Amino acid sequence: MSWNRGIRQTHRWLSVAFTVAVIANIVVMGQEAPPVWVAYLALPPLLLLLLTGLYLFVLPYRSPARGGARHSD
């Protein structure tokens, strides 16, 4: 498995973890006295999603010889 494919797969699984954390947050916040830590449950996957998403966003611009964006000046 190549490095880029691994990052892409990690990004996909992080999106699943983030979605589950947000759903858990919504369910628990409906209780009378929700624990405080539940509000922060979605932040670690969100931070990792940001990092992997930025990497995947920049990837086509890093190597124009591999089919990335071409600029005509």
C-alpha atoms as a PDB file:
ATOM      1  CA  MET A   1       0.000   0.000   0.000  1.00  0.00           C
ATOM      2  CA  SER A   2       1.432   3.368  -0.971  1.00  0.00           C
ATOM      3  CA  TRP A   3       1.821   6.271   1.446  1.00  0.00           C
ATOM      4  CA  ASN A   4      -0.858   8.392  -0.268  1.00  0.00           C
ATOM      5  CA  ARG A   5      -3.335   5.524  -0.324  1.00  0.00           C
ATOM      6  CA  GLY A   6      -2.748   4.933   3.380  1.00  0.00           C
ATOM      7  CA  ILE A   7      -3.401   8.600   4.177  1.00  0.00           C
ATOM      8  CA  ARG A   8      -6.591   8.507   2.095  1.00  0.00           C
ATOM      9  CA  GLN A   9      -7.813   5.355   3.875  1.00  0.00           C
ATOM     10  CA  THR A  10      -6.954   6.870   7.270  1.00  0.00           C
ATOM     11  CA  HIS A  11      -8.915   9.995   6.327  1.00  0.00           C
ATOM     12  CA  ARG A  12     -11.954   7.874   5.479  1.00  0.00           C
ATOM     13  CA  TRP A  13     -11.858   5.968   8.777  1.00  0.00           C
ATOM     14  CA  LEU A  14     -11.346   9.193  10.710  1.00  0.00           C
ATOM     15  CA  SER A  15     -14.499  10.570   9.119  1.00  0.00           C
ATOM     16  CA  VAL A  16     -16.393   7.530  10.426  1.00  0.00           C
ATOM     17  CA  ALA A  17     -14.923   8.029  13.925  1.00  0.00           C
ATOM     18  CA  PHE A  18     -15.812  11.735  13.831  1.00  0.00           C
ATOM     19  CA  THR A  19     -19.396  10.988  12.777  1.00  0.00           C
ATOM     20  CA  VAL A  20     -19.821   8.448  15.578  1.00  0.00           C
ATOM     21  CA  ALA A  21     -18.382  10.932  18.098  1.00  0.00           C
ATOM     22  CA  VAL A  22     -20.777  13.671  16.965  1.00  0.00           C
ATOM     23  CA  ILE A  23     -23.769  11.331  17.170  1.00  0.00           C
ATOM     24  CA  ALA A  24     -22.677  10.223  20.667  1.00  0.00           C
ATOM     25  CA  ASN A  25     -22.313  13.879  21.625  1.00  0.00           C
ATOM     26  CA  ILE A  26     -25.853  14.674  20.465  1.00  0.00           C
ATOM     27  CA  VAL A  27     -27.323  11.675  22.291  1.00  0.00           C
ATOM     28  CA  VAL A  28     -25.496  12.365  25.567  1.00  0.00           C
ATOM     29  CA  MET A  29     -26.213  16.099  25.541  1.00  0.00           C
ATOM     30  CA  GLY A  30     -29.891  15.237  25.642  1.00  0.00           C
ATOM     31  CA  GLN A  31     -29.469  13.861  29.159  1.00  0.00           C
ATOM     32  CA  GLU A  32     -29.987  15.937  32.299  1.00  0.00           C
ATOM     33  CA  ALA A  33     -26.382  16.095  33.494  1.00  0.00           C
ATOM     34  CA  PRO A  34     -24.074  15.129  30.624  1.00  0.00           C
ATOM     35  CA  PRO A  35     -20.405  14.543  31.446  1.00  0.00           C
ATOM     36  CA  VAL A  36     -18.128  17.366  30.304  1.00  0.00           C
ATOM     37  CA  TRP A  37     -15.653  15.100  28.524  1.00  0.00           C
ATOM     38  CA  VAL A  38     -18.262  14.058  25.958  1.00  0.00           C
ATOM     39  CA  ALA A  39     -18.207  17.566  24.493  1.00  0.00           C
ATOM     40  CA  TYR A  40     -14.519  17.070  23.644  1.00  0.00           C
ATOM     41  CA  LEU A  41     -14.923  13.556  22.228  1.00  0.00           C
ATOM     42  CA  ALA A  42     -15.094  14.701  18.593  1.00  0.00           C
ATOM     43  CA  LEU A  43     -12.065  17.003  18.714  1.00  0.00           C
ATOM     44  CA  PRO A  44      -9.211  14.465  18.264  1.00  0.00           C
ATOM     45  CA  PRO A  45     -10.714  12.921  15.098  1.00  0.00           C
ATOM     46  CA  LEU A  46     -11.516  16.425  13.840  1.00  0.00           C
ATOM     47  CA  LEU A  47      -7.911  17.550  14.284  1.00  0.00           C
ATOM     48  CA  LEU A  48      -6.603  14.466  12.495  1.00  0.00           C
ATOM     49  CA  LEU A  49      -9.184  14.982   9.729  1.00  0.00           C
ATOM     50  CA  LEU A  50      -7.872  18.514   9.298  1.00  0.00           C
ATOM     51  CA  LEU A  51      -4.277  17.321   8.973  1.00  0.00           C
ATOM     52  CA  THR A  52      -4.997  14.461   6.572  1.00  0.00           C
ATOM     53  CA  GLY A  53      -7.433  16.620   4.592  1.00  0.00           C
ATOM     54  CA  LEU A  54      -4.846  19.368   4.147  1.00  0.00           C
ATOM     55  CA  TYR A  55      -2.304  16.769   3.016  1.00  0.00           C
ATOM     56  CA  LEU A  56      -4.749  15.358   0.474  1.00  0.00           C
ATOM     57  CA  PHE A  57      -5.647  18.866  -0.691  1.00  0.00           C
ATOM     58  CA  VAL A  58      -2.016  19.832  -1.323  1.00  0.00           C
ATOM     59  CA  LEU A  59      -1.077  16.481  -2.879  1.00  0.00           C
ATOM     60  CA  PRO A  60      -2.005  17.316  -6.510  1.00  0.00           C
ATOM     61  CA  TYR A  61       0.009  20.549  -6.370  1.00  0.00           C
ATOM     62  CA  ARG A  62       3.149  18.875  -5.012  1.00  0.00           C
ATOM     63  CA  SER A  63       3.943  16.858  -8.117  1.00  0.00           C
ATOM     64  CA  PRO A  64       2.714  18.440 -11.348  1.00  0.00           C
ATOM     65  CA  ALA A  65       4.554  15.780 -13.397  1.00  0.00           C
ATOM     66  CA  ARG A  66       2.182  13.127 -11.998  1.00  0.00           C
ATOM     67  CA  GLY A  67      -0.977  14.671 -13.404  1.00  0.00           C
ATOM     68  CA  GLY A  68      -1.363  17.596 -11.011  1.00  0.00           C
ATOM     69  CA  ALA A  69      -2.406  21.116 -11.831  1.00  0.00           C
ATOM     70  CA  ARG A  70      -0.533  22.730 -14.701  1.00  0.00           C
ATOM     71  CA  HIS A  71       0.059  26.456 -14.735  1.00  0.00           C
ATOM     72  CA  SER A  72       0.569  28.335 -17.972  1.00  0.00           C
ATOM     73  CA  ASP A  73       2.374  31.622 -17.361  1.00  0.00           C
END
